[in-house]
């Protein structure tokens, strides 16, 4: 059964939702009247990045949703299991898991310390697997269950590895979870990935890449709207896809993508992993 284009009354568990793309997806769901569990580590303000699980929860409530702020390190399976359990207890079930949390380091092999490798593999690969594993037993009971992971299409062209092998492997670990779990749970839980056509302008990216590149980005809302379009599709038939944000929106009838530009008229910077 489809969810008739709305997430009203649905319960979403979103990792890394204290800011950026995760928060944008949460706010879009909140405008429908959804319940949103914000699973992230940030409980105190970061010196250079705005947003905590508590400020995000307040914004979700203000947007019309119900929020549950949960401090959670998704690398820790015990914390994840407790967070999923807390969400189900608070809202009576679970309909959607969004694997958004991710660690990034666009560094070459010799410039990537093993600790950074461990962080990226722990958050990206392990975190996606552990969250999915904990969520699926509850999703199997839902009317229209979805897992949506923010990860790129799988492409073994060496150009996507040569400048940042460790990061590519970590992101592709997330995508491999989509590939495998979509087949494993086909017809029972929708499992898809979503990736942006252009770089998305978040505070983290601005800090990482500088203001010039930031101006050539789209806003996180393009991914939020694309995610909403995916999560309201029929879970029985919409699975195993590696969606690109602008393609999803065009399929949904959105023709004006200029509204998503951080700086209208600026030439947009393409994201990595897309030919």
Protein backbone atom coordinates (compact mmCIF):
# COMPACT_ATOMS: atom_id res chain seq x y z
CA UNK A 1 0.00 0.00 0.00
CA UNK A 2 1.36 3.44 -0.88
CA UNK A 3 1.57 6.27 1.62
CA UNK A 4 -0.43 8.62 -0.64
CA UNK A 5 2.30 11.23 -0.98
CA UNK A 6 2.60 12.14 2.68
CA UNK A 7 4.69 11.15 5.68
CA UNK A 8 2.01 12.27 8.13
CA UNK A 9 2.07 10.04 11.18
CA UNK A 10 5.11 8.12 9.93
CA UNK A 11 8.15 7.63 12.16
CA UNK A 12 11.61 8.35 10.76
CA UNK A 13 14.98 7.57 12.34
CA UNK A 14 17.58 9.85 10.74
CA UNK A 15 21.29 9.61 11.51
CA UNK A 16 23.36 12.79 11.54
CA UNK A 17 20.23 14.93 11.59
CA UNK A 18 21.47 17.71 13.85
CA UNK A 19 22.43 19.83 10.84
CA UNK A 20 22.83 19.90 7.08
CA UNK A 21 21.19 17.35 4.80
CA UNK A 22 19.90 15.16 7.61
CA UNK A 23 18.13 18.08 9.26
CA UNK A 24 16.67 19.22 5.93
CA UNK A 25 15.17 15.75 5.38
CA UNK A 26 13.82 15.81 8.92
CA UNK A 27 12.20 19.23 8.47
CA UNK A 28 10.56 18.19 5.20
CA UNK A 29 9.03 15.18 6.93
CA UNK A 30 8.02 17.34 9.89
CA UNK A 31 5.98 19.61 7.62
CA UNK A 32 3.85 16.56 6.84
CA UNK A 33 3.34 15.90 10.55
CA UNK A 34 5.88 13.06 10.87
CA UNK A 35 7.63 11.78 13.98
CA UNK A 36 11.40 12.19 13.70
CA UNK A 37 14.13 10.66 15.82
CA UNK A 38 17.35 12.65 15.50
CA UNK A 39 20.27 10.30 16.11
CA UNK A 40 23.55 12.21 16.28
CA UNK A 41 26.48 12.85 18.59
CA UNK A 42 26.20 16.63 18.85
CA UNK A 43 24.68 17.72 22.13
CA UNK A 44 26.82 20.83 22.62
CA UNK A 45 27.41 23.54 19.98
CA UNK A 46 30.42 23.02 17.73
CA UNK A 47 32.75 26.04 17.58
CA UNK A 48 32.46 26.25 13.77
CA UNK A 49 29.23 24.37 12.98
CA UNK A 50 25.74 25.33 14.06
CA UNK A 51 23.25 22.81 15.35
CA UNK A 52 22.77 20.17 18.00
CA UNK A 53 20.24 17.37 18.39
CA UNK A 54 18.28 19.69 20.68
CA UNK A 55 18.16 22.69 18.33
CA UNK A 56 17.17 20.38 15.48
CA UNK A 57 14.40 18.88 17.62
CA UNK A 58 13.05 22.36 18.35
CA UNK A 59 12.98 23.18 14.62
CA UNK A 60 11.19 19.91 13.84
CA UNK A 61 8.53 20.63 16.44
CA UNK A 62 8.12 24.17 15.10
CA UNK A 63 7.68 22.78 11.58
CA UNK A 64 4.76 20.61 12.69
CA UNK A 65 6.40 17.31 13.53
CA UNK A 66 7.16 15.44 16.71
CA UNK A 67 10.83 15.13 17.61
CA UNK A 68 12.95 12.82 19.70
CA UNK A 69 16.56 13.92 20.24
CA UNK A 70 18.88 10.96 20.86
CA UNK A 71 22.61 11.21 21.44
CA UNK A 72 24.00 8.25 19.55
CA UNK A 73 27.33 7.15 18.10
CA UNK A 74 26.22 4.92 15.24
CA UNK A 75 29.52 3.02 15.37
CA UNK A 76 28.36 1.51 18.66
CA UNK A 77 25.78 -1.23 18.09
CA UNK A 78 24.55 -1.07 21.69
CA UNK A 79 23.84 2.66 21.38
CA UNK A 80 22.10 2.10 18.06
CA UNK A 81 19.92 -0.70 19.42
CA UNK A 82 18.97 1.46 22.40
CA UNK A 83 18.19 4.44 20.14
CA UNK A 84 15.99 2.39 17.81
CA UNK A 85 14.23 0.88 20.82
CA UNK A 86 13.67 4.33 22.33
CA UNK A 87 12.17 5.52 19.04
CA UNK A 88 9.80 2.57 18.73
CA UNK A 89 8.73 2.98 22.36
CA UNK A 90 8.09 6.71 21.92
CA UNK A 91 6.17 6.54 18.64
CA UNK A 92 4.82 3.00 18.51
CA UNK A 93 6.82 1.75 15.55
CA UNK A 94 9.28 2.63 12.81
CA UNK A 95 8.56 3.38 9.15
CA UNK A 96 11.73 4.90 7.74
CA UNK A 97 15.48 4.74 8.35
CA UNK A 98 17.62 7.42 6.73
CA UNK A 99 21.34 6.58 6.79
CA UNK A 100 22.68 10.10 6.42
CA UNK A 101 25.60 10.27 8.88
CA UNK A 102 28.93 10.18 7.11
CA UNK A 103 32.60 11.01 7.68
CA UNK A 104 34.69 12.53 4.91
CA UNK A 105 38.36 13.03 4.13
CA UNK A 106 39.23 13.76 0.50
CA UNK A 107 42.85 12.73 0.98
CA UNK A 108 45.27 10.48 -0.86
CA UNK A 109 46.61 7.24 0.52
CA UNK A 110 49.74 8.75 2.06
CA UNK A 111 47.78 11.63 3.59
CA UNK A 112 45.08 9.49 5.24
CA UNK A 113 46.02 8.41 8.78
CA UNK A 114 44.73 4.97 9.82
CA UNK A 115 42.58 6.68 12.45
CA UNK A 116 40.80 8.62 9.70
CA UNK A 117 40.31 5.38 7.74
CA UNK A 118 38.81 3.80 10.85
CA UNK A 119 36.49 6.77 11.39
CA UNK A 120 35.20 6.75 7.81
CA UNK A 121 34.71 2.99 7.70
CA UNK A 122 33.18 3.03 11.18
CA UNK A 123 30.64 5.78 10.50
CA UNK A 124 29.94 5.14 6.83
CA UNK A 125 30.13 1.40 6.34
CA UNK A 126 29.66 -0.04 9.81
CA UNK A 127 27.20 2.65 10.87
CA UNK A 128 24.95 2.07 7.86
CA UNK A 129 25.00 -1.69 8.39
CA UNK A 130 24.41 -1.53 12.15
CA UNK A 131 21.55 0.98 11.88
CA UNK A 132 19.91 -1.03 9.12
CA UNK A 133 20.30 -4.27 11.05
CA UNK A 134 18.69 -2.76 14.15
CA UNK A 135 15.88 -1.08 12.20
CA UNK A 136 14.81 -3.88 9.86
CA UNK A 137 12.93 -6.04 12.41
CA UNK A 138 10.73 -3.03 13.16
CA UNK A 139 10.47 -1.92 9.52
CA UNK A 140 9.16 -5.37 8.59
CA UNK A 141 6.08 -4.56 10.66
CA UNK A 142 5.44 -1.20 8.95
CA UNK A 143 2.91 -0.46 6.23
CA UNK A 144 5.35 1.18 3.78
CA UNK A 145 8.89 0.67 5.13
CA UNK A 146 11.89 2.39 3.61
CA UNK A 147 15.63 2.55 4.13
CA UNK A 148 17.25 5.48 2.33
CA UNK A 149 21.03 5.85 2.37
CA UNK A 150 22.91 8.95 1.27
CA UNK A 151 25.50 7.24 -0.90
CA UNK A 152 26.56 7.26 -4.56
CA UNK A 153 25.94 4.87 -7.43
CA UNK A 154 28.54 2.12 -7.57
CA UNK A 155 31.13 2.82 -10.25
CA UNK A 156 34.50 1.06 -10.36
CA UNK A 157 36.12 3.55 -12.71
CA UNK A 158 39.54 4.27 -11.12
CA UNK A 159 38.97 8.02 -11.46
CA UNK A 160 36.69 7.87 -8.41
CA UNK A 161 39.38 6.18 -6.32
CA UNK A 162 42.69 7.73 -7.37
CA UNK A 163 42.44 10.96 -5.35
CA UNK A 164 40.71 9.63 -2.20
CA UNK A 165 40.76 5.84 -2.13
CA UNK A 166 39.80 5.57 1.53
CA UNK A 167 36.78 7.87 1.28
CA UNK A 168 35.52 6.18 -1.89
CA UNK A 169 35.73 2.74 -0.28
CA UNK A 170 33.87 4.03 2.80
CA UNK A 171 31.06 5.59 0.74
CA UNK A 172 30.80 2.56 -1.52
CA UNK A 173 30.44 0.40 1.60
CA UNK A 174 27.19 2.28 2.21
CA UNK A 175 26.11 1.71 -1.38
CA UNK A 176 26.93 -2.00 -1.15
CA UNK A 177 24.56 -2.18 1.82
CA UNK A 178 21.85 -0.81 -0.46
CA UNK A 179 22.69 -3.29 -3.21
CA UNK A 180 22.65 -6.32 -0.93
CA UNK A 181 19.79 -5.44 1.40
CA UNK A 182 17.52 -4.39 -1.48
CA UNK A 183 17.82 -7.91 -2.88
CA UNK A 184 17.60 -9.57 0.53
CA UNK A 185 14.41 -7.76 1.60
CA UNK A 186 12.80 -7.21 -1.81
CA UNK A 187 9.03 -6.90 -1.54
CA UNK A 188 9.23 -6.36 2.23
CA UNK A 189 11.42 -3.28 2.82
CA UNK A 190 12.41 -0.71 0.21
CA UNK A 191 16.17 -0.09 0.26
CA UNK A 192 17.52 2.73 -1.92
CA UNK A 193 20.36 5.23 -2.14
CA UNK A 194 20.22 8.94 -2.99
CA UNK A 195 23.05 11.17 -4.20
CA UNK A 196 23.25 14.82 -5.33
CA UNK A 197 24.04 15.96 -8.85
CA UNK A 198 25.95 18.95 -7.47
CA UNK A 199 27.83 19.72 -4.31
CA UNK A 200 25.38 20.58 -1.54
CA UNK A 201 26.04 23.78 0.38
CA UNK A 202 26.27 22.87 4.05
CA UNK A 203 28.29 24.49 6.80
CA UNK A 204 30.55 21.44 6.88
CA UNK A 205 31.29 21.69 3.16
CA UNK A 206 31.88 25.43 3.42
CA UNK A 207 34.43 24.77 6.15
CA UNK A 208 36.02 21.95 4.15
CA UNK A 209 36.18 23.54 0.70
CA UNK A 210 35.96 27.28 1.23
CA UNK A 211 33.44 29.98 0.37
CA UNK A 212 34.11 30.07 -3.39
CA UNK A 213 33.01 26.49 -3.95
CA UNK A 214 30.19 26.92 -1.46
CA UNK A 215 28.63 29.60 -3.67
CA UNK A 216 28.42 27.10 -6.55
CA UNK A 217 26.30 24.61 -4.59
CA UNK A 218 22.67 23.71 -4.24
CA UNK A 219 20.83 23.86 -0.93
CA UNK A 220 20.18 20.76 1.19
CA UNK A 221 16.47 21.19 0.46
CA UNK A 222 16.91 19.58 -2.97
CA UNK A 223 17.89 16.34 -1.29
CA UNK A 224 15.12 16.75 1.28
CA UNK A 225 12.48 17.10 -1.43
CA UNK A 226 13.95 14.20 -3.40
CA UNK A 227 14.04 12.03 -0.28
CA UNK A 228 10.39 12.88 0.42
CA UNK A 229 9.43 11.83 -3.10
CA UNK A 230 11.21 8.49 -2.66
CA UNK A 231 9.93 7.76 0.84
CA UNK A 232 6.32 8.23 -0.23
CA UNK A 233 6.61 5.66 -3.02
CA UNK A 234 5.37 2.08 -2.72
CA UNK A 235 8.01 0.13 -0.81
CA UNK A 236 7.06 -3.12 -2.55
CA UNK A 237 8.15 -1.88 -5.96
CA UNK A 238 10.57 1.01 -5.31
CA UNK A 239 13.78 -0.69 -4.22
CA UNK A 240 17.38 -1.26 -5.27
CA UNK A 241 17.73 2.16 -6.89
CA UNK A 242 20.64 4.58 -6.83
CA UNK A 243 18.68 7.80 -7.23
CA UNK A 244 20.09 11.20 -8.26
CA UNK A 245 18.30 14.15 -6.66
CA UNK A 246 17.41 16.20 -9.75
CA UNK A 247 16.22 13.12 -11.67
CA UNK A 248 13.86 12.21 -8.82
CA UNK A 249 12.40 15.71 -8.76
CA UNK A 250 11.93 15.83 -12.52
CA UNK A 251 10.07 12.52 -12.33
CA UNK A 252 7.91 14.13 -9.64
CA UNK A 253 7.09 17.02 -11.97
CA UNK A 254 9.46 19.65 -10.57
CA UNK A 255 10.72 21.74 -13.47
CA UNK A 256 12.35 24.73 -11.73
CA UNK A 257 15.53 23.64 -9.97
CA UNK A 258 16.93 27.18 -9.75
CA UNK A 259 15.16 27.63 -6.42
CA UNK A 260 17.65 25.20 -4.90
CA UNK A 261 20.76 27.20 -5.88
CA UNK A 262 22.70 28.78 -3.03
CA UNK A 263 23.63 31.62 -5.40
CA UNK A 264 21.13 31.93 -8.26
CA UNK A 265 22.83 32.05 -11.62
CA UNK A 266 26.17 30.71 -10.43
CA UNK A 267 27.71 27.81 -12.31
CA UNK A 268 27.04 24.71 -10.22
CA UNK A 269 29.92 22.52 -9.07
CA UNK A 270 29.28 18.85 -9.86
CA UNK A 271 29.54 16.37 -7.02
CA UNK A 272 31.99 13.49 -7.20
CA UNK A 273 31.08 9.93 -8.24
CA UNK A 274 28.91 11.01 -11.19
CA UNK A 275 30.01 10.97 -14.83
